[in-house]
Amino acid sequence: MKFAVIKTGGKQYRVAEGDALKIEKLPAAVGDKVVFDQVFLTAEGDEVTIGAPVVAKAKVEAEVLEQDRAKKLLVFKYKAKTRYRIKRGHRQPCTKVKITKLGF
């Protein structure tokens, strides 16, 4: 099995060809190609390459499927005995991408 570990948006993801995942928002339109060049690990069968800190000349290509927002998170602040209650919601913007090519 061929897979890689990439970094985007301050998080690391284990990806393989054909995977679709939601990541932090990218400045790209739907249908655009995106290249992730921060590849920390590559694996093909029993051959594993670990970068220091990244694997040289390794790239992962993806296609933007949609620009969306994540599920709503409720933020509730409360202080006892002071009638202080604040309820707010937050929806983080995200991008859904499909991995098209692992280049290593």
PDB file of N, CA and C in Angstrom:
ATOM      1  N   MET A   1       0.839  -1.178   0.000  1.00  0.00           N
ATOM      2  CA  MET A   1       0.000   0.000   0.000  1.00  0.00           C
ATOM      3  C   MET A   1       0.886   1.244   0.000  1.00  0.00           C
ATOM      4  N   LYS A   2       0.505   2.207  -0.801  1.00  0.00           N
ATOM      5  CA  LYS A   2       1.274   3.431  -0.959  1.00  0.00           C
ATOM      6  C   LYS A   2       0.549   4.562  -0.234  1.00  0.00           C
ATOM      7  N   PHE A   3       1.243   5.227   0.716  1.00  0.00           N
ATOM      8  CA  PHE A   3       0.651   6.346   1.421  1.00  0.00           C
ATOM      9  C   PHE A   3       1.731   7.328   1.832  1.00  0.00           C
ATOM     10  N   ALA A   4       1.298   8.501   2.310  1.00  0.00           N
ATOM     11  CA  ALA A   4       2.216   9.549   2.754  1.00  0.00           C
ATOM     12  C   ALA A   4       1.594  10.284   3.928  1.00  0.00           C
ATOM     13  N   VAL A   5       2.444  10.956   4.701  1.00  0.00           N
ATOM     14  CA  VAL A   5       1.986  11.815   5.790  1.00  0.00           C
ATOM     15  C   VAL A   5       2.369  13.244   5.408  1.00  0.00           C
ATOM     16  N   ILE A   6       1.347  14.105   5.284  1.00  0.00           N
ATOM     17  CA  ILE A   6       1.569  15.490   4.867  1.00  0.00           C
ATOM     18  C   ILE A   6       1.162  16.446   5.984  1.00  0.00           C
ATOM     19  N   LYS A   7       1.631  17.690   5.867  1.00  0.00           N
ATOM     20  CA  LYS A   7       1.256  18.728   6.821  1.00  0.00           C
ATOM     21  C   LYS A   7       0.581  19.861   6.072  1.00  0.00           C
ATOM     22  N   THR A   8      -0.580  20.271   6.577  1.00  0.00           N
ATOM     23  CA  THR A   8      -1.274  21.431   6.051  1.00  0.00           C
ATOM     24  C   THR A   8      -2.173  21.996   7.151  1.00  0.00           C
ATOM     25  N   GLY A   9      -2.185  23.300   7.264  1.00  0.00           N
ATOM     26  CA  GLY A   9      -3.028  23.938   8.255  1.00  0.00           C
ATOM     27  C   GLY A   9      -2.625  23.643   9.686  1.00  0.00           C
ATOM     28  N   GLY A  10      -1.338  23.339   9.921  1.00  0.00           N
ATOM     29  CA  GLY A  10      -0.877  23.050  11.269  1.00  0.00           C
ATOM     30  C   GLY A  10      -1.200  21.650  11.750  1.00  0.00           C
ATOM     31  N   LYS A  11      -1.736  20.804  10.872  1.00  0.00           N
ATOM     32  CA  LYS A  11      -2.093  19.436  11.240  1.00  0.00           C
ATOM     33  C   LYS A  11      -1.435  18.465  10.274  1.00  0.00           C
ATOM     34  N   GLN A  12      -1.308  17.207  10.688  1.00  0.00           N
ATOM     35  CA  GLN A  12      -0.732  16.175   9.843  1.00  0.00           C
ATOM     36  C   GLN A  12      -1.810  15.178   9.449  1.00  0.00           C
ATOM     37  N   TYR A  13      -1.753  14.718   8.201  1.00  0.00           N
ATOM     38  CA  TYR A  13      -2.747  13.795   7.671  1.00  0.00           C
ATOM     39  C   TYR A  13      -2.046  12.631   6.972  1.00  0.00           C
ATOM     40  N   ARG A  14      -2.566  11.428   7.162  1.00  0.00           N
ATOM     41  CA  ARG A  14      -2.092  10.240   6.436  1.00  0.00           C
ATOM     42  C   ARG A  14      -3.002  10.107   5.223  1.00  0.00           C
ATOM     43  N   VAL A  15      -2.412  10.181   4.020  1.00  0.00           N
ATOM     44  CA  VAL A  15      -3.212  10.189   2.800  1.00  0.00           C
ATOM     45  C   VAL A  15      -2.732   9.110   1.834  1.00  0.00           C
ATOM     46  N   ALA A  16      -3.664   8.638   1.032  1.00  0.00           N
ATOM     47  CA  ALA A  16      -3.384   7.704  -0.063  1.00  0.00           C
ATOM     48  C   ALA A  16      -4.138   8.210  -1.284  1.00  0.00           C
ATOM     49  N   GLU A  17      -3.813   7.673  -2.453  1.00  0.00           N
ATOM     50  CA  GLU A  17      -4.499   8.110  -3.672  1.00  0.00           C
ATOM     51  C   GLU A  17      -5.975   7.778  -3.586  1.00  0.00           C
ATOM     52  N   GLY A  18      -6.810   8.744  -3.977  1.00  0.00           N
ATOM     53  CA  GLY A  18      -8.249   8.548  -3.957  1.00  0.00           C
ATOM     54  C   GLY A  18      -8.923   8.993  -2.670  1.00  0.00           C
ATOM     55  N   ASP A  19      -8.150   9.332  -1.634  1.00  0.00           N
ATOM     56  CA  ASP A  19      -8.727   9.787  -0.368  1.00  0.00           C
ATOM     57  C   ASP A  19      -9.346  11.168  -0.536  1.00  0.00           C
ATOM     58  N   ALA A  20     -10.474  11.396   0.134  1.00  0.00           N
ATOM     59  CA  ALA A  20     -11.089  12.717   0.204  1.00  0.00           C
ATOM     60  C   ALA A  20     -11.094  13.124   1.673  1.00  0.00           C
ATOM     61  N   LEU A  21     -10.602  14.334   1.966  1.00  0.00           N
ATOM     62  CA  LEU A  21     -10.552  14.769   3.354  1.00  0.00           C
ATOM     63  C   LEU A  21     -10.823  16.256   3.466  1.00  0.00           C
ATOM     64  N   LYS A  22     -11.302  16.649   4.649  1.00  0.00           N
ATOM     65  CA  LYS A  22     -11.545  18.062   4.937  1.00  0.00           C
ATOM     66  C   LYS A  22     -10.360  18.602   5.712  1.00  0.00           C
ATOM     67  N   ILE A  23      -9.820  19.710   5.211  1.00  0.00           N
ATOM     68  CA  ILE A  23      -8.653  20.329   5.832  1.00  0.00           C
ATOM     69  C   ILE A  23      -8.957  21.797   6.085  1.00  0.00           C
ATOM     70  N   GLU A  24      -8.015  22.494   6.728  1.00  0.00           N
ATOM     71  CA  GLU A  24      -8.172  23.932   6.942  1.00  0.00           C
ATOM     72  C   GLU A  24      -8.317  24.638   5.596  1.00  0.00           C
ATOM     73  N   LYS A  25      -9.012  25.760   5.597  1.00  0.00           N
ATOM     74  CA  LYS A  25      -9.320  26.469   4.352  1.00  0.00           C
ATOM     75  C   LYS A  25      -8.071  26.836   3.564  1.00  0.00           C
ATOM     76  N   LEU A  26      -8.116  26.554   2.258  1.00  0.00           N
ATOM     77  CA  LEU A  26      -7.044  26.900   1.330  1.00  0.00           C
ATOM     78  C   LEU A  26      -7.546  27.985   0.378  1.00  0.00           C
ATOM     79  N   PRO A  27      -6.686  28.894  -0.040  1.00  0.00           N
ATOM     80  CA  PRO A  27      -7.106  29.941  -0.977  1.00  0.00           C
ATOM     81  C   PRO A  27      -7.120  29.411  -2.413  1.00  0.00           C
ATOM     82  N   ALA A  28      -8.069  28.529  -2.713  1.00  0.00           N
ATOM     83  CA  ALA A  28      -8.165  27.934  -4.044  1.00  0.00           C
ATOM     84  C   ALA A  28      -9.634  27.772  -4.403  1.00  0.00           C
ATOM     85  N   ALA A  29      -9.936  27.842  -5.693  1.00  0.00           N
ATOM     86  CA  ALA A  29     -11.308  27.689  -6.161  1.00  0.00           C
ATOM     87  C   ALA A  29     -11.611  26.208  -6.394  1.00  0.00           C
ATOM     88  N   VAL A  30     -12.889  25.898  -6.490  1.00  0.00           N
ATOM     89  CA  VAL A  30     -13.311  24.527  -6.745  1.00  0.00           C
ATOM     90  C   VAL A  30     -12.795  24.091  -8.114  1.00  0.00           C
ATOM     91  N   GLY A  31     -12.174  22.916  -8.168  1.00  0.00           N
ATOM     92  CA  GLY A  31     -11.605  22.398  -9.404  1.00  0.00           C
ATOM     93  C   GLY A  31     -10.122  22.666  -9.563  1.00  0.00           C
ATOM     94  N   ASP A  32      -9.559  23.543  -8.742  1.00  0.00           N
ATOM     95  CA  ASP A  32      -8.128  23.848  -8.811  1.00  0.00           C
ATOM     96  C   ASP A  32      -7.290  22.677  -8.308  1.00  0.00           C
ATOM     97  N   LYS A  33      -6.050  22.624  -8.793  1.00  0.00           N
ATOM     98  CA  LYS A  33      -5.080  21.632  -8.322  1.00  0.00           C
ATOM     99  C   LYS A  33      -4.239  22.259  -7.207  1.00  0.00           C
ATOM    100  N   VAL A  34      -3.971  21.493  -6.167  1.00  0.00           N
ATOM    101  CA  VAL A  34      -3.175  21.957  -5.032  1.00  0.00           C
ATOM    102  C   VAL A  34      -2.032  20.976  -4.836  1.00  0.00           C
ATOM    103  N   VAL A  35      -0.833  21.497  -4.535  1.00  0.00           N
ATOM    104  CA  VAL A  35       0.331  20.647  -4.304  1.00  0.00           C
ATOM    105  C   VAL A  35       0.794  20.828  -2.868  1.00  0.00           C
ATOM    106  N   PHE A  36       0.908  19.722  -2.138  1.00  0.00           N
ATOM    107  CA  PHE A  36       1.436  19.731  -0.776  1.00  0.00           C
ATOM    108  C   PHE A  36       2.883  19.259  -0.846  1.00  0.00           C
ATOM    109  N   ASP A  37       3.820  20.153  -0.466  1.00  0.00           N
ATOM    110  CA  ASP A  37       5.231  19.792  -0.555  1.00  0.00           C
ATOM    111  C   ASP A  37       5.852  19.482   0.799  1.00  0.00           C
ATOM    112  N   GLN A  38       5.106  19.648   1.875  1.00  0.00           N
ATOM    113  CA  GLN A  38       5.610  19.264   3.194  1.00  0.00           C
ATOM    114  C   GLN A  38       5.181  17.827   3.472  1.00  0.00           C
ATOM    115  N   VAL A  39       5.988  16.884   2.998  1.00  0.00           N
ATOM    116  CA  VAL A  39       5.721  15.456   3.154  1.00  0.00           C
ATOM    117  C   VAL A  39       6.703  14.918   4.192  1.00  0.00           C
ATOM    118  N   PHE A  40       6.178  14.433   5.304  1.00  0.00           N
ATOM    119  CA  PHE A  40       7.020  13.972   6.407  1.00  0.00           C
ATOM    120  C   PHE A  40       7.407  12.500   6.287  1.00  0.00           C
ATOM    121  N   LEU A  41       6.562  11.694   5.638  1.00  0.00           N
ATOM    122  CA  LEU A  41       6.813  10.255   5.553  1.00  0.00           C
ATOM    123  C   LEU A  41       6.199   9.720   4.280  1.00  0.00           C
ATOM    124  N   THR A  42       6.894   8.801   3.635  1.00  0.00           N
ATOM    125  CA  THR A  42       6.342   8.106   2.480  1.00  0.00           C
ATOM    126  C   THR A  42       6.508   6.613   2.694  1.00  0.00           C
ATOM    127  N   ALA A  43       5.550   5.855   2.203  1.00  0.00           N
ATOM    128  CA  ALA A  43       5.613   4.402   2.342  1.00  0.00           C
ATOM    129  C   ALA A  43       5.036   3.758   1.098  1.00  0.00           C
ATOM    130  N   GLU A  44       5.766   2.773   0.589  1.00  0.00           N
ATOM    131  CA  GLU A  44       5.314   2.000  -0.563  1.00  0.00           C
ATOM    132  C   GLU A  44       5.683   0.552  -0.289  1.00  0.00           C
ATOM    133  N   GLY A  45       4.686  -0.241   0.089  1.00  0.00           N
ATOM    134  CA  GLY A  45       4.958  -1.626   0.488  1.00  0.00           C
ATOM    135  C   GLY A  45       5.736  -1.646   1.791  1.00  0.00           C
ATOM    136  N   ASP A  46       6.905  -2.293   1.789  1.00  0.00           N
ATOM    137  CA  ASP A  46       7.745  -2.360   2.977  1.00  0.00           C
ATOM    138  C   ASP A  46       8.789  -1.254   3.024  1.00  0.00           C
ATOM    139  N   GLU A  47       8.876  -0.452   1.974  1.00  0.00           N
ATOM    140  CA  GLU A  47       9.875   0.615   1.903  1.00  0.00           C
ATOM    141  C   GLU A  47       9.302   1.909   2.503  1.00  0.00           C
ATOM    142  N   VAL A  48       9.860   2.336   3.635  1.00  0.00           N
ATOM    143  CA  VAL A  48       9.400   3.530   4.335  1.00  0.00           C
ATOM    144  C   VAL A  48      10.530   4.558   4.358  1.00  0.00           C
ATOM    145  N   THR A  49      10.201   5.809   4.001  1.00  0.00           N
ATOM    146  CA  THR A  49      11.168   6.894   4.034  1.00  0.00           C
ATOM    147  C   THR A  49      10.667   7.962   4.994  1.00  0.00           C
ATOM    148  N   ILE A  50      11.488   8.285   5.982  1.00  0.00           N
ATOM    149  CA  ILE A  50      11.141   9.307   6.960  1.00  0.00           C
ATOM    150  C   ILE A  50      12.006  10.529   6.699  1.00  0.00           C
ATOM    151  N   GLY A  51      11.378  11.688   6.623  1.00  0.00           N
ATOM    152  CA  GLY A  51      12.098  12.918   6.328  1.00  0.00           C
ATOM    153  C   GLY A  51      12.763  13.508   7.557  1.00  0.00           C
ATOM    154  N   ALA A  52      13.687  14.442   7.289  1.00  0.00           N
ATOM    155  CA  ALA A  52      14.386  15.118   8.377  1.00  0.00           C
ATOM    156  C   ALA A  52      14.484  16.602   8.080  1.00  0.00           C
ATOM    157  N   PRO A  53      13.492  17.439   8.230  1.00  0.00           N
ATOM    158  CA  PRO A  53      12.132  17.130   8.669  1.00  0.00           C
ATOM    159  C   PRO A  53      11.193  16.700   7.538  1.00  0.00           C
ATOM    160  N   VAL A  54      11.511  17.012   6.261  1.00  0.00           N
ATOM    161  CA  VAL A  54      10.638  16.596   5.162  1.00  0.00           C
ATOM    162  C   VAL A  54      11.411  15.700   4.198  1.00  0.00           C
ATOM    163  N   VAL A  55      10.666  14.908   3.438  1.00  0.00           N
ATOM    164  CA  VAL A  55      11.264  14.029   2.436  1.00  0.00           C
ATOM    165  C   VAL A  55      11.580  14.869   1.202  1.00  0.00           C
ATOM    166  N   ALA A  56      12.829  14.811   0.746  1.00  0.00           N
ATOM    167  CA  ALA A  56      13.256  15.612  -0.402  1.00  0.00           C
ATOM    168  C   ALA A  56      12.553  15.150  -1.676  1.00  0.00           C
ATOM    169  N   LYS A  57      12.122  16.110  -2.476  1.00  0.00           N
ATOM    170  CA  LYS A  57      11.504  15.891  -3.787  1.00  0.00           C
ATOM    171  C   LYS A  57      10.194  15.103  -3.735  1.00  0.00           C
ATOM    172  N   ALA A  58       9.556  15.044  -2.601  1.00  0.00           N
ATOM    173  CA  ALA A  58       8.269  14.352  -2.491  1.00  0.00           C
ATOM    174  C   ALA A  58       7.147  15.389  -2.544  1.00  0.00           C
ATOM    175  N   LYS A  59       6.095  15.093  -3.341  1.00  0.00           N
ATOM    176  CA  LYS A  59       4.951  15.980  -3.479  1.00  0.00           C
ATOM    177  C   LYS A  59       3.675  15.151  -3.466  1.00  0.00           C
ATOM    178  N   VAL A  60       2.619  15.756  -2.987  1.00  0.00           N
ATOM    179  CA  VAL A  60       1.294  15.148  -3.042  1.00  0.00           C
ATOM    180  C   VAL A  60       0.383  16.138  -3.739  1.00  0.00           C
ATOM    181  N   GLU A  61      -0.281  15.676  -4.799  1.00  0.00           N
ATOM    182  CA  GLU A  61      -1.177  16.537  -5.560  1.00  0.00           C
ATOM    183  C   GLU A  61      -2.616  16.209  -5.212  1.00  0.00           C
ATOM    184  N   ALA A  62      -3.446  17.265  -5.157  1.00  0.00           N
ATOM    185  CA  ALA A  62      -4.853  17.092  -4.819  1.00  0.00           C
ATOM    186  C   ALA A  62      -5.706  18.037  -5.644  1.00  0.00           C
ATOM    187  N   GLU A  63      -6.995  17.748  -5.697  1.00  0.00           N
ATOM    188  CA  GLU A  63      -7.961  18.574  -6.408  1.00  0.00           C
ATOM    189  C   GLU A  63      -8.984  19.078  -5.401  1.00  0.00           C
ATOM    190  N   VAL A  64      -9.321  20.367  -5.473  1.00  0.00           N
ATOM    191  CA  VAL A  64     -10.296  20.955  -4.558  1.00  0.00           C
ATOM    192  C   VAL A  64     -11.697  20.548  -5.006  1.00  0.00           C
ATOM    193  N   LEU A  65     -12.438  19.892  -4.097  1.00  0.00           N
ATOM    194  CA  LEU A  65     -13.797  19.465  -4.412  1.00  0.00           C
ATOM    195  C   LEU A  65     -14.834  20.507  -4.002  1.00  0.00           C
ATOM    196  N   GLU A  66     -14.649  21.112  -2.809  1.00  0.00           N
ATOM    197  CA  GLU A  66     -15.589  22.133  -2.365  1.00  0.00           C
ATOM    198  C   GLU A  66     -14.996  22.994  -1.253  1.00  0.00           C
ATOM    199  N   GLN A  67     -15.516  24.215  -1.160  1.00  0.00           N
ATOM    200  CA  GLN A  67     -15.204  25.120  -0.053  1.00  0.00           C
ATOM    201  C   GLN A  67     -16.441  25.122   0.842  1.00  0.00           C
ATOM    202  N   ASP A  68     -16.261  24.843   2.112  1.00  0.00           N
ATOM    203  CA  ASP A  68     -17.400  24.637   2.998  1.00  0.00           C
ATOM    204  C   ASP A  68     -17.078  25.191   4.381  1.00  0.00           C
ATOM    205  N   ARG A  69     -17.994  24.990   5.293  1.00  0.00           N
ATOM    206  CA  ARG A  69     -17.751  25.303   6.699  1.00  0.00           C
ATOM    207  C   ARG A  69     -18.075  24.057   7.515  1.00  0.00           C
ATOM    208  N   ALA A  70     -17.327  23.855   8.593  1.00  0.00           N
ATOM    209  CA  ALA A  70     -17.493  22.663   9.430  1.00  0.00           C
ATOM    210  C   ALA A  70     -18.779  22.768  10.251  1.00  0.00           C
ATOM    211  N   LYS A  71     -19.072  21.716  11.012  1.00  0.00           N
ATOM    212  CA  LYS A  71     -20.236  21.723  11.880  1.00  0.00           C
ATOM    213  C   LYS A  71     -20.116  22.834  12.920  1.00  0.00           C
ATOM    214  N   LYS A  72     -21.260  23.322  13.382  1.00  0.00           N
ATOM    215  CA  LYS A  72     -21.254  24.419  14.354  1.00  0.00           C
ATOM    216  C   LYS A  72     -20.827  23.921  15.731  1.00  0.00           C
ATOM    217  N   LEU A  73     -19.926  24.688  16.335  1.00  0.00           N
ATOM    218  CA  LEU A  73     -19.517  24.446  17.715  1.00  0.00           C
ATOM    219  C   LEU A  73     -20.178  25.514  18.583  1.00  0.00           C
ATOM    220  N   LEU A  74     -20.758  25.104  19.708  1.00  0.00           N
ATOM    221  CA  LEU A  74     -21.363  26.054  20.620  1.00  0.00           C
ATOM    222  C   LEU A  74     -20.362  26.428  21.699  1.00  0.00           C
ATOM    223  N   VAL A  75     -20.248  27.730  21.944  1.00  0.00           N
ATOM    224  CA  VAL A  75     -19.367  28.256  22.978  1.00  0.00           C
ATOM    225  C   VAL A  75     -20.266  28.906  24.014  1.00  0.00           C
ATOM    226  N   PHE A  76     -20.219  28.416  25.244  1.00  0.00           N
ATOM    227  CA  PHE A  76     -21.085  28.929  26.298  1.00  0.00           C
ATOM    228  C   PHE A  76     -20.231  29.403  27.458  1.00  0.00           C
ATOM    229  N   LYS A  77     -20.345  30.697  27.787  1.00  0.00           N
ATOM    230  CA  LYS A  77     -19.614  31.261  28.922  1.00  0.00           C
ATOM    231  C   LYS A  77     -20.608  31.489  30.047  1.00  0.00           C
ATOM    232  N   TYR A  78     -20.180  31.200  31.280  1.00  0.00           N
ATOM    233  CA  TYR A  78     -21.080  31.301  32.417  1.00  0.00           C
ATOM    234  C   TYR A  78     -20.283  31.644  33.666  1.00  0.00           C
ATOM    235  N   LYS A  79     -20.788  32.608  34.412  1.00  0.00           N
ATOM    236  CA  LYS A  79     -20.211  32.921  35.720  1.00  0.00           C
ATOM    237  C   LYS A  79     -21.323  32.848  36.749  1.00  0.00           C
ATOM    238  N   ALA A  80     -21.100  32.090  37.790  1.00  0.00           N
ATOM    239  CA  ALA A  80     -22.125  31.859  38.796  1.00  0.00           C
ATOM    240  C   ALA A  80     -22.419  33.139  39.588  1.00  0.00           C
ATOM    241  N   LYS A  81     -23.681  33.292  39.957  1.00  0.00           N
ATOM    242  CA  LYS A  81     -24.148  34.340  40.879  1.00  0.00           C
ATOM    243  C   LYS A  81     -24.022  35.756  40.331  1.00  0.00           C
ATOM    244  N   THR A  82     -23.766  35.931  39.032  1.00  0.00           N
ATOM    245  CA  THR A  82     -23.626  37.288  38.490  1.00  0.00           C
ATOM    246  C   THR A  82     -24.526  37.535  37.285  1.00  0.00           C
ATOM    247  N   ARG A  83     -25.368  36.596  36.939  1.00  0.00           N
ATOM    248  CA  ARG A  83     -26.265  36.697  35.768  1.00  0.00           C
ATOM    249  C   ARG A  83     -25.488  36.889  34.462  1.00  0.00           C
ATOM    250  N   TYR A  84     -24.320  36.283  34.377  1.00  0.00           N
ATOM    251  CA  TYR A  84     -23.473  36.404  33.189  1.00  0.00           C
ATOM    252  C   TYR A  84     -23.553  35.103  32.405  1.00  0.00           C
ATOM    253  N   ARG A  85     -24.226  35.140  31.261  1.00  0.00           N
ATOM    254  CA  ARG A  85     -24.359  33.967  30.394  1.00  0.00           C
ATOM    255  C   ARG A  85     -24.239  34.445  28.945  1.00  0.00           C
ATOM    256  N   ILE A  86     -23.320  33.845  28.198  1.00  0.00           N
ATOM    257  CA  ILE A  86     -23.153  34.191  26.784  1.00  0.00           C
ATOM    258  C   ILE A  86     -23.096  32.895  25.993  1.00  0.00           C
ATOM    259  N   LYS A  87     -23.942  32.797  24.982  1.00  0.00           N
ATOM    260  CA  LYS A  87     -23.967  31.617  24.119  1.00  0.00           C
ATOM    261  C   LYS A  87     -23.664  32.077  22.699  1.00  0.00           C
ATOM    262  N   ARG A  88     -22.600  31.505  22.123  1.00  0.00           N
ATOM    263  CA  ARG A  88     -22.200  31.849  20.762  1.00  0.00           C
ATOM    264  C   ARG A  88     -21.915  30.575  19.987  1.00  0.00           C
ATOM    265  N   GLY A  89     -21.985  30.668  18.681  1.00  0.00           N
ATOM    266  CA  GLY A  89     -21.654  29.543  17.823  1.00  0.00           C
ATOM    267  C   GLY A  89     -20.501  29.906  16.906  1.00  0.00           C
ATOM    268  N   HIS A  90     -19.797  28.885  16.408  1.00  0.00           N
ATOM    269  CA  HIS A  90     -18.670  29.112  15.509  1.00  0.00           C
ATOM    270  C   HIS A  90     -18.637  28.005  14.464  1.00  0.00           C
ATOM    271  N   ARG A  91     -18.466  28.387  13.207  1.00  0.00           N
ATOM    272  CA  ARG A  91     -18.292  27.416  12.118  1.00  0.00           C
ATOM    273  C   ARG A  91     -16.977  27.718  11.423  1.00  0.00           C
ATOM    274  N   GLN A  92     -16.031  26.790  11.528  1.00  0.00           N
ATOM    275  CA  GLN A  92     -14.706  26.965  10.944  1.00  0.00           C
ATOM    276  C   GLN A  92     -14.756  26.719   9.439  1.00  0.00           C
ATOM    277  N   PRO A  93     -14.219  27.634   8.628  1.00  0.00           N
ATOM    278  CA  PRO A  93     -14.163  27.379   7.186  1.00  0.00           C
ATOM    279  C   PRO A  93     -13.187  26.248   6.874  1.00  0.00           C
ATOM    280  N   CYS A  94     -13.551  25.399   5.900  1.00  0.00           N
ATOM    281  CA  CYS A  94     -12.694  24.269   5.547  1.00  0.00           C
ATOM    282  C   CYS A  94     -12.778  24.011   4.043  1.00  0.00           C
ATOM    283  N   THR A  95     -11.852  23.219   3.560  1.00  0.00           N
ATOM    284  CA  THR A  95     -11.771  22.863   2.149  1.00  0.00           C
ATOM    285  C   THR A  95     -11.760  21.347   2.032  1.00  0.00           C
ATOM    286  N   LYS A  96     -12.576  20.807   1.148  1.00  0.00           N
ATOM    287  CA  LYS A  96     -12.582  19.366   0.908  1.00  0.00           C
ATOM    288  C   LYS A  96     -11.740  19.095  -0.328  1.00  0.00           C
ATOM    289  N   VAL A  97     -10.732  18.229  -0.189  1.00  0.00           N
ATOM    290  CA  VAL A  97      -9.831  17.907  -1.296  1.00  0.00           C
ATOM    291  C   VAL A  97      -9.822  16.394  -1.537  1.00  0.00           C
ATOM    292  N   LYS A  98      -9.500  16.036  -2.778  1.00  0.00           N
ATOM    293  CA  LYS A  98      -9.329  14.621  -3.139  1.00  0.00           C
ATOM    294  C   LYS A  98      -7.895  14.437  -3.610  1.00  0.00           C
ATOM    295  N   ILE A  99      -7.203  13.480  -3.028  1.00  0.00           N
ATOM    296  CA  ILE A  99      -5.807  13.210  -3.374  1.00  0.00           C
ATOM    297  C   ILE A  99      -5.772  12.504  -4.726  1.00  0.00           C
ATOM    298  N   THR A 100      -5.053  13.105  -5.675  1.00  0.00           N
ATOM    299  CA  THR A 100      -5.011  12.555  -7.031  1.00  0.00           C
ATOM    300  C   THR A 100      -3.689  11.838  -7.337  1.00  0.00           C
ATOM    301  N   LYS A 101      -2.585  12.306  -6.747  1.00  0.00           N
ATOM    302  CA  LYS A 101      -1.293  11.712  -7.113  1.00  0.00           C
ATOM    303  C   LYS A 101      -0.306  11.836  -5.955  1.00  0.00           C
ATOM    304  N   LEU A 102       0.393  10.733  -5.675  1.00  0.00           N
ATOM    305  CA  LEU A 102       1.486  10.731  -4.711  1.00  0.00           C
ATOM    306  C   LEU A 102       2.776  10.657  -5.514  1.00  0.00           C
ATOM    307  N   GLY A 103       3.594  11.700  -5.403  1.00  0.00           N
ATOM    308  CA  GLY A 103       4.820  11.736  -6.180  1.00  0.00           C
ATOM    309  C   GLY A 103       6.051  11.603  -5.296  1.00  0.00           C
ATOM    310  N   PHE A 104       6.612  10.386  -5.239  1.00  0.00           N
ATOM    311  CA  PHE A 104       7.864  10.159  -4.501  1.00  0.00           C
ATOM    312  C   PHE A 104       8.585   8.958  -5.041  1.00  0.00           C
TER     313      PHE A 104
END
